[in-house]
Amino acid sequence: MFVGVLRLTLHLPEPGSLKSKRHLLRSAIDRVKARFNVSIAEVAENDLWQRSVVGVAAVGNDHAFVNETLDKVADFIASMHGGQLQLIGRDLEIVPYGDELGEGPIRTLAEAERDEAAGDERRGSRVRLSRSEEDDR
């Protein structure tokens, strides 16, 4: 599994108020969500009229797919609203997760608990049950 995080710094030359800035950003964020399967939010510079930092996250099973998706999102945002959103900074990081996790046999929760209890008994300790578990016995 690969997790990609994209940080976009935007300059908005047109807005004369926070209300118009938020209108532009909300429109852009909604369009990105509708077109791409990513999470996106304004993450910094919330109180500045002409600057914003937007965070975008994508998850996939292929590094190239995550990279391509986030590149497309950045290009899409830069091209929308007729130049009212100017991309001035772009940071991308893609991190692999789970390469060593999940390997080996798949166990159910009951099997894991049974194995844990057997390990406790071998060490000579007694497994303490909660009151609800004692009542069930």
C-alpha atoms as a PDB file:
ATOM      1  CA  MET A   1       0.000   0.000   0.000  1.00  0.00           C
ATOM      2  CA  PHE A   2       1.249   3.485  -0.826  1.00  0.00           C
ATOM      3  CA  VAL A   3       0.081   6.702   0.827  1.00  0.00           C
ATOM      4  CA  GLY A   4       0.702   9.947  -1.022  1.00  0.00           C
ATOM      5  CA  VAL A   5       0.501  13.395   0.525  1.00  0.00           C
ATOM      6  CA  LEU A   6       0.517  16.526  -1.604  1.00  0.00           C
ATOM      7  CA  ARG A   7       0.844  20.025  -0.158  1.00  0.00           C
ATOM      8  CA  LEU A   8      -0.096  22.844  -2.511  1.00  0.00           C
ATOM      9  CA  THR A   9       0.570  26.496  -1.749  1.00  0.00           C
ATOM     10  CA  LEU A  10      -1.814  28.708  -3.688  1.00  0.00           C
ATOM     11  CA  HIS A  11      -1.879  32.427  -4.440  1.00  0.00           C
ATOM     12  CA  LEU A  12      -5.316  33.906  -5.037  1.00  0.00           C
ATOM     13  CA  PRO A  13      -4.886  37.392  -6.580  1.00  0.00           C
ATOM     14  CA  GLU A  14      -8.609  38.189  -6.990  1.00  0.00           C
ATOM     15  CA  PRO A  15     -10.347  37.825  -3.605  1.00  0.00           C
ATOM     16  CA  GLY A  16     -10.951  41.001  -1.645  1.00  0.00           C
ATOM     17  CA  SER A  17     -12.322  39.222   1.395  1.00  0.00           C
ATOM     18  CA  LEU A  18     -12.150  35.948   3.265  1.00  0.00           C
ATOM     19  CA  LYS A  19     -15.683  35.210   2.082  1.00  0.00           C
ATOM     20  CA  SER A  20     -14.708  35.332  -1.605  1.00  0.00           C
ATOM     21  CA  LYS A  21     -11.514  33.338  -0.901  1.00  0.00           C
ATOM     22  CA  ARG A  22     -13.508  30.615   0.839  1.00  0.00           C
ATOM     23  CA  HIS A  23     -16.001  30.567  -2.024  1.00  0.00           C
ATOM     24  CA  LEU A  24     -13.196  29.989  -4.554  1.00  0.00           C
ATOM     25  CA  LEU A  25     -11.528  27.312  -2.423  1.00  0.00           C
ATOM     26  CA  ARG A  26     -14.771  25.508  -1.599  1.00  0.00           C
ATOM     27  CA  SER A  27     -15.586  25.353  -5.308  1.00  0.00           C
ATOM     28  CA  ALA A  28     -12.110  24.006  -6.140  1.00  0.00           C
ATOM     29  CA  ILE A  29     -12.146  21.452  -3.311  1.00  0.00           C
ATOM     30  CA  ASP A  30     -15.618  20.206  -4.264  1.00  0.00           C
ATOM     31  CA  ARG A  31     -14.599  19.810  -7.912  1.00  0.00           C
ATOM     32  CA  VAL A  32     -11.441  17.875  -6.977  1.00  0.00           C
ATOM     33  CA  LYS A  33     -13.450  15.561  -4.693  1.00  0.00           C
ATOM     34  CA  ALA A  34     -15.977  14.932  -7.456  1.00  0.00           C
ATOM     35  CA  ARG A  35     -13.359  14.173 -10.092  1.00  0.00           C
ATOM     36  CA  PHE A  36     -10.639  12.322  -8.162  1.00  0.00           C
ATOM     37  CA  ASN A  37     -10.833   9.755  -5.378  1.00  0.00           C
ATOM     38  CA  VAL A  38      -8.735  11.765  -2.877  1.00  0.00           C
ATOM     39  CA  SER A  39      -9.090  13.565   0.438  1.00  0.00           C
ATOM     40  CA  ILE A  40      -8.513  17.316   0.275  1.00  0.00           C
ATOM     41  CA  ALA A  41      -8.749  20.213   2.711  1.00  0.00           C
ATOM     42  CA  GLU A  42      -7.369  23.675   3.381  1.00  0.00           C
ATOM     43  CA  VAL A  43      -4.684  23.086   6.012  1.00  0.00           C
ATOM     44  CA  ALA A  44      -2.975  26.463   6.566  1.00  0.00           C
ATOM     45  CA  GLU A  45      -3.146  30.196   5.871  1.00  0.00           C
ATOM     46  CA  ASN A  46      -6.860  30.138   6.637  1.00  0.00           C
ATOM     47  CA  ASP A  47      -7.068  33.804   7.623  1.00  0.00           C
ATOM     48  CA  LEU A  48      -5.143  35.297   4.696  1.00  0.00           C
ATOM     49  CA  TRP A  49      -7.143  36.615   1.762  1.00  0.00           C
ATOM     50  CA  GLN A  50      -4.721  35.846  -1.027  1.00  0.00           C
ATOM     51  CA  ARG A  51      -2.877  32.738   0.117  1.00  0.00           C
ATOM     52  CA  SER A  52      -3.892  29.201   0.991  1.00  0.00           C
ATOM     53  CA  VAL A  53      -2.261  25.854   1.665  1.00  0.00           C
ATOM     54  CA  VAL A  54      -4.219  22.788   0.594  1.00  0.00           C
ATOM     55  CA  GLY A  55      -3.436  19.211   1.609  1.00  0.00           C
ATOM     56  CA  VAL A  56      -4.340  16.263  -0.599  1.00  0.00           C
ATOM     57  CA  ALA A  57      -4.024  12.579   0.305  1.00  0.00           C
ATOM     58  CA  ALA A  58      -4.349   9.494  -1.886  1.00  0.00           C
ATOM     59  CA  VAL A  59      -3.967   5.786  -1.162  1.00  0.00           C
ATOM     60  CA  GLY A  60      -3.326   3.015  -3.675  1.00  0.00           C
ATOM     61  CA  ASN A  61      -1.566  -0.276  -4.234  1.00  0.00           C
ATOM     62  CA  ASP A  62       0.833   1.110  -6.860  1.00  0.00           C
ATOM     63  CA  HIS A  63       3.406   3.888  -6.369  1.00  0.00           C
ATOM     64  CA  ALA A  64       3.051   5.128  -9.952  1.00  0.00           C
ATOM     65  CA  PHE A  65      -0.755   5.305  -9.662  1.00  0.00           C
ATOM     66  CA  VAL A  66      -0.626   7.415  -6.482  1.00  0.00           C
ATOM     67  CA  ASN A  67       2.025   9.700  -8.011  1.00  0.00           C
ATOM     68  CA  GLU A  68       0.027  10.133 -11.223  1.00  0.00           C
ATOM     69  CA  THR A  69      -3.207  10.837  -9.339  1.00  0.00           C
ATOM     70  CA  LEU A  70      -1.631  13.552  -7.199  1.00  0.00           C
ATOM     71  CA  ASP A  71       0.085  15.106 -10.240  1.00  0.00           C
ATOM     72  CA  LYS A  72      -3.281  15.253 -12.010  1.00  0.00           C
ATOM     73  CA  VAL A  73      -4.876  16.893  -8.962  1.00  0.00           C
ATOM     74  CA  ALA A  74      -2.160  19.582  -8.868  1.00  0.00           C
ATOM     75  CA  ASP A  75      -2.499  20.263 -12.593  1.00  0.00           C
ATOM     76  CA  PHE A  76      -6.297  20.344 -12.334  1.00  0.00           C
ATOM     77  CA  ILE A  77      -6.243  22.878  -9.492  1.00  0.00           C
ATOM     78  CA  ALA A  78      -3.703  25.054 -11.329  1.00  0.00           C
ATOM     79  CA  SER A  79      -5.898  25.123 -14.443  1.00  0.00           C
ATOM     80  CA  MET A  80      -9.247  25.902 -12.836  1.00  0.00           C
ATOM     81  CA  HIS A  81     -11.014  29.235 -12.338  1.00  0.00           C
ATOM     82  CA  GLY A  82      -9.200  30.978 -15.172  1.00  0.00           C
ATOM     83  CA  GLY A  83      -6.044  31.831 -13.251  1.00  0.00           C
ATOM     84  CA  GLN A  84      -7.771  32.812 -10.017  1.00  0.00           C
ATOM     85  CA  LEU A  85      -5.816  30.017  -8.295  1.00  0.00           C
ATOM     86  CA  GLN A  86      -2.074  30.214  -8.928  1.00  0.00           C
ATOM     87  CA  LEU A  87       0.105  27.327  -7.801  1.00  0.00           C
ATOM     88  CA  ILE A  88       3.253  28.736  -6.138  1.00  0.00           C
ATOM     89  CA  GLY A  89       4.423  25.709  -4.155  1.00  0.00           C
ATOM     90  CA  ARG A  90       4.131  21.960  -4.485  1.00  0.00           C
ATOM     91  CA  ASP A  91       5.459  19.282  -2.104  1.00  0.00           C
ATOM     92  CA  LEU A  92       4.821  15.589  -2.684  1.00  0.00           C
ATOM     93  CA  GLU A  93       5.695  12.597  -0.537  1.00  0.00           C
ATOM     94  CA  ILE A  94       4.721   8.982  -1.161  1.00  0.00           C
ATOM     95  CA  VAL A  95       5.293   6.464   1.621  1.00  0.00           C
ATOM     96  CA  PRO A  96       5.019   2.665   1.345  1.00  0.00           C
ATOM     97  CA  TYR A  97       3.137   0.930   4.151  1.00  0.00           C
ATOM     98  CA  GLY A  98       2.629  -2.695   5.017  1.00  0.00           C
ATOM     99  CA  ASP A  99       5.495  -4.390   3.209  1.00  0.00           C
ATOM    100  CA  GLU A 100       6.386  -6.392   6.301  1.00  0.00           C
ATOM    101  CA  LEU A 101       2.930  -6.244   7.855  1.00  0.00           C
ATOM    102  CA  GLY A 102       0.330  -8.853   7.103  1.00  0.00           C
ATOM    103  CA  GLU A 103       2.812 -11.501   6.031  1.00  0.00           C
ATOM    104  CA  GLY A 104       2.414 -14.980   7.430  1.00  0.00           C
ATOM    105  CA  PRO A 105      -0.712 -16.961   8.194  1.00  0.00           C
ATOM    106  CA  ILE A 106      -3.991 -15.143   8.580  1.00  0.00           C
ATOM    107  CA  ARG A 107      -5.549 -15.735  12.002  1.00  0.00           C
ATOM    108  CA  THR A 108      -8.976 -14.983  13.360  1.00  0.00           C
ATOM    109  CA  LEU A 109      -9.385 -12.986  16.551  1.00  0.00           C
ATOM    110  CA  ALA A 110     -10.358 -16.155  18.448  1.00  0.00           C
ATOM    111  CA  GLU A 111      -7.167 -17.884  17.278  1.00  0.00           C
ATOM    112  CA  ALA A 112      -5.026 -14.921  18.318  1.00  0.00           C
ATOM    113  CA  GLU A 113      -6.635 -14.797  21.770  1.00  0.00           C
ATOM    114  CA  ARG A 114      -6.226 -18.572  22.185  1.00  0.00           C
ATOM    115  CA  ASP A 115      -2.547 -18.360  21.219  1.00  0.00           C
ATOM    116  CA  GLU A 116      -2.035 -15.470  23.637  1.00  0.00           C
ATOM    117  CA  ALA A 117      -3.710 -17.377  26.497  1.00  0.00           C
ATOM    118  CA  ALA A 118      -1.569 -20.455  25.763  1.00  0.00           C
ATOM    119  CA  GLY A 119       1.545 -18.286  25.928  1.00  0.00           C
ATOM    120  CA  ASP A 120       0.465 -16.867  29.297  1.00  0.00           C
ATOM    121  CA  GLU A 121      -0.126 -20.369  30.696  1.00  0.00           C
ATOM    122  CA  ARG A 122       3.324 -21.507  29.556  1.00  0.00           C
ATOM    123  CA  ARG A 123       4.869 -18.567  31.400  1.00  0.00           C
ATOM    124  CA  GLY A 124       2.988 -19.604  34.556  1.00  0.00           C
ATOM    125  CA  SER A 125       0.722 -16.603  34.778  1.00  0.00           C
ATOM    126  CA  ARG A 126      -3.039 -16.755  34.950  1.00  0.00           C
ATOM    127  CA  VAL A 127      -5.165 -14.774  32.514  1.00  0.00           C
ATOM    128  CA  ARG A 128      -7.517 -12.489  34.455  1.00  0.00           C
ATOM    129  CA  LEU A 129     -11.005 -12.252  33.024  1.00  0.00           C
ATOM    130  CA  SER A 130     -13.160  -9.166  33.214  1.00  0.00           C
ATOM    131  CA  ARG A 131     -16.341  -9.360  35.295  1.00  0.00           C
ATOM    132  CA  SER A 132     -18.549  -9.757  32.227  1.00  0.00           C
ATOM    133  CA  GLU A 133     -16.366 -12.639  30.988  1.00  0.00           C
ATOM    134  CA  GLU A 134     -16.487 -14.282  34.462  1.00  0.00           C
ATOM    135  CA  ASP A 135     -20.281 -13.965  34.481  1.00  0.00           C
ATOM    136  CA  ASP A 136     -20.461 -15.647  31.064  1.00  0.00           C
ATOM    137  CA  ARG A 137     -18.610 -18.671  32.434  1.00  0.00           C
END
